[in-house]
C-alpha atoms as a PDB file:
ATOM      1  CA  UNK A   1     -58.021 -10.947  26.749  1.00  0.00           C
ATOM      2  CA  UNK A   2     -59.614 -13.992  24.779  1.00  0.00           C
ATOM      3  CA  UNK A   3     -58.445 -14.644  21.052  1.00  0.00           C
ATOM      4  CA  UNK A   4     -61.018 -16.163  18.875  1.00  0.00           C
ATOM      5  CA  UNK A   5     -59.686 -17.767  15.655  1.00  0.00           C
ATOM      6  CA  UNK A   6     -61.733 -17.150  12.839  1.00  0.00           C
ATOM      7  CA  UNK A   7     -61.972 -18.882   9.485  1.00  0.00           C
ATOM      8  CA  UNK A   8     -60.321 -15.857   7.895  1.00  0.00           C
ATOM      9  CA  UNK A   9     -57.011 -16.667  10.589  1.00  0.00           C
ATOM     10  CA  UNK A  10     -57.187 -20.263   9.496  1.00  0.00           C
ATOM     11  CA  UNK A  11     -56.623 -19.289   6.254  1.00  0.00           C
ATOM     12  CA  UNK A  12     -53.531 -17.312   6.878  1.00  0.00           C
ATOM     13  CA  UNK A  13     -52.108 -19.974   9.406  1.00  0.00           C
ATOM     14  CA  UNK A  14     -52.251 -22.942   6.720  1.00  0.00           C
ATOM     15  CA  UNK A  15     -50.710 -20.584   4.052  1.00  0.00           C
ATOM     16  CA  UNK A  16     -47.419 -20.182   6.400  1.00  0.00           C
ATOM     17  CA  UNK A  17     -47.233 -16.412   6.270  1.00  0.00           C
ATOM     18  CA  UNK A  18     -46.670 -15.021   9.912  1.00  0.00           C
ATOM     19  CA  UNK A  19     -46.137 -11.427   8.459  1.00  0.00           C
ATOM     20  CA  UNK A  20     -49.050 -11.334   6.438  1.00  0.00           C
ATOM     21  CA  UNK A  21     -51.279 -12.923   9.479  1.00  0.00           C
ATOM     22  CA  UNK A  22     -49.739 -10.138  11.679  1.00  0.00           C
ATOM     23  CA  UNK A  23     -50.406  -7.454   9.171  1.00  0.00           C
ATOM     24  CA  UNK A  24     -54.293  -9.077   8.572  1.00  0.00           C
ATOM     25  CA  UNK A  25     -55.149  -9.531  12.675  1.00  0.00           C
ATOM     26  CA  UNK A  26     -53.682  -5.548  12.746  1.00  0.00           C
ATOM     27  CA  UNK A  27     -56.011  -4.740  10.214  1.00  0.00           C
ATOM     28  CA  UNK A  28     -58.693  -6.552  11.756  1.00  0.00           C
ATOM     29  CA  UNK A  29     -58.173  -4.784  15.178  1.00  0.00           C
ATOM     30  CA  UNK A  30     -58.838  -1.675  13.131  1.00  0.00           C
ATOM     31  CA  UNK A  31     -62.529  -3.140  11.588  1.00  0.00           C
ATOM     32  CA  UNK A  32     -63.709  -4.174  14.984  1.00  0.00           C
ATOM     33  CA  UNK A  33     -65.694  -1.182  15.500  1.00  0.00           C
ATOM     34  CA  UNK A  34     -67.536  -2.154  11.741  1.00  0.00           C
ATOM     35  CA  UNK A  35     -68.364  -5.297  13.104  1.00  0.00           C
ATOM     36  CA  UNK A  36     -70.745  -4.073  15.447  1.00  0.00           C
ATOM     37  CA  UNK A  37     -72.500  -2.796  12.314  1.00  0.00           C
ATOM     38  CA  UNK A  38     -72.522  -6.107  10.929  1.00  0.00           C
ATOM     39  CA  UNK A  39     -73.850  -7.634  13.660  1.00  0.00           C
ATOM     40  CA  UNK A  40     -76.625  -4.928  14.826  1.00  0.00           C
ATOM     41  CA  UNK A  41     -78.567  -2.445  12.582  1.00  0.00           C
ATOM     42  CA  UNK A  42     -77.296  -4.014   9.503  1.00  0.00           C
ATOM     43  CA  UNK A  43     -78.394  -7.384   9.911  1.00  0.00           C
ATOM     44  CA  UNK A  44     -75.197  -8.778   7.699  1.00  0.00           C
ATOM     45  CA  UNK A  45     -73.746 -11.379  10.043  1.00  0.00           C
ATOM     46  CA  UNK A  46     -75.540 -14.452   9.037  1.00  0.00           C
ATOM     47  CA  UNK A  47     -75.025 -13.492   5.190  1.00  0.00           C
ATOM     48  CA  UNK A  48     -71.251 -12.684   5.666  1.00  0.00           C
ATOM     49  CA  UNK A  49     -70.982 -15.802   7.657  1.00  0.00           C
ATOM     50  CA  UNK A  50     -72.253 -17.568   4.646  1.00  0.00           C
ATOM     51  CA  UNK A  51     -70.354 -15.754   2.192  1.00  0.00           C
ATOM     52  CA  UNK A  52     -66.865 -16.766   4.138  1.00  0.00           C
ATOM     53  CA  UNK A  53     -67.989 -20.412   4.180  1.00  0.00           C
ATOM     54  CA  UNK A  54     -68.684 -20.387   0.599  1.00  0.00           C
ATOM     55  CA  UNK A  55     -65.221 -18.707   0.010  1.00  0.00           C
ATOM     56  CA  UNK A  56     -63.476 -21.662   1.988  1.00  0.00           C
ATOM     57  CA  UNK A  57     -65.024 -23.870  -0.274  1.00  0.00           C
ATOM     58  CA  UNK A  58     -64.206 -22.091  -3.235  1.00  0.00           C
ATOM     59  CA  UNK A  59     -60.217 -22.101  -2.176  1.00  0.00           C
ATOM     60  CA  UNK A  60     -60.654 -26.000  -1.096  1.00  0.00           C
ATOM     61  CA  UNK A  61     -61.571 -27.122  -4.509  1.00  0.00           C
ATOM     62  CA  UNK A  62     -59.000 -24.968  -6.059  1.00  0.00           C
ATOM     63  CA  UNK A  63     -61.065 -22.440  -8.086  1.00  0.00           C
ATOM     64  CA  UNK A  64     -58.797 -19.209  -7.756  1.00  0.00           C
ATOM     65  CA  UNK A  65     -60.476 -16.968 -10.049  1.00  0.00           C
ATOM     66  CA  UNK A  66     -64.206 -17.954  -8.172  1.00  0.00           C
ATOM     67  CA  UNK A  67     -62.838 -17.344  -4.972  1.00  0.00           C
ATOM     68  CA  UNK A  68     -61.351 -13.763  -5.976  1.00  0.00           C
ATOM     69  CA  UNK A  69     -64.554 -12.985  -7.910  1.00  0.00           C
ATOM     70  CA  UNK A  70     -66.428 -14.059  -4.581  1.00  0.00           C
ATOM     71  CA  UNK A  71     -64.180 -12.364  -2.079  1.00  0.00           C
ATOM     72  CA  UNK A  72     -64.234  -8.660  -3.970  1.00  0.00           C
ATOM     73  CA  UNK A  73     -68.307  -8.858  -4.637  1.00  0.00           C
ATOM     74  CA  UNK A  74     -68.215 -10.007  -0.943  1.00  0.00           C
ATOM     75  CA  UNK A  75     -66.064  -7.012   0.263  1.00  0.00           C
ATOM     76  CA  UNK A  76     -68.072  -4.296  -2.348  1.00  0.00           C
ATOM     77  CA  UNK A  77     -71.295  -5.693  -0.823  1.00  0.00           C
ATOM     78  CA  UNK A  78     -70.375  -5.110   2.475  1.00  0.00           C
ATOM     79  CA  UNK A  79     -68.782  -1.802   2.051  1.00  0.00           C
ATOM     80  CA  UNK A  80     -71.747  -0.099   0.035  1.00  0.00           C
ATOM     81  CA  UNK A  81     -74.299  -1.607   2.623  1.00  0.00           C
ATOM     82  CA  UNK A  82     -72.194  -0.063   5.485  1.00  0.00           C
ATOM     83  CA  UNK A  83     -71.635   3.356   3.445  1.00  0.00           C
ATOM     84  CA  UNK A  84     -75.209   3.776   2.570  1.00  0.00           C
ATOM     85  CA  UNK A  85     -76.231   3.186   6.171  1.00  0.00           C
ATOM     86  CA  UNK A  86     -74.190   5.642   7.450  1.00  0.00           C
ATOM     87  CA  UNK A  87     -75.030   8.348   5.022  1.00  0.00           C
ATOM     88  CA  UNK A  88     -78.676   7.321   6.061  1.00  0.00           C
ATOM     89  CA  UNK A  89     -77.881   7.992   9.672  1.00  0.00           C
ATOM     90  CA  UNK A  90     -75.504  10.669   9.614  1.00  0.00           C
ATOM     91  CA  UNK A  91     -76.614  13.730  12.194  1.00  0.00           C
END
């Protein structure tokens, strides 16, 4: 099995929080099925990656509140997009 290091993985490694990193890895494994929607019918991959890069920049600049706001908006936007897609395309 090939392991891909994502930007999120890098954040948790730098934080030196192995327990948190394991929890996040478990959640990521559960979320893999939803990533297919981002990369496929939602066309959200590029936007998502841009948002991740912006989040990393906010963290690097130590702008905690802006980073938290950006992360919250990112999660809410992705969730809304997926929810709307599933409602529209449910059989």
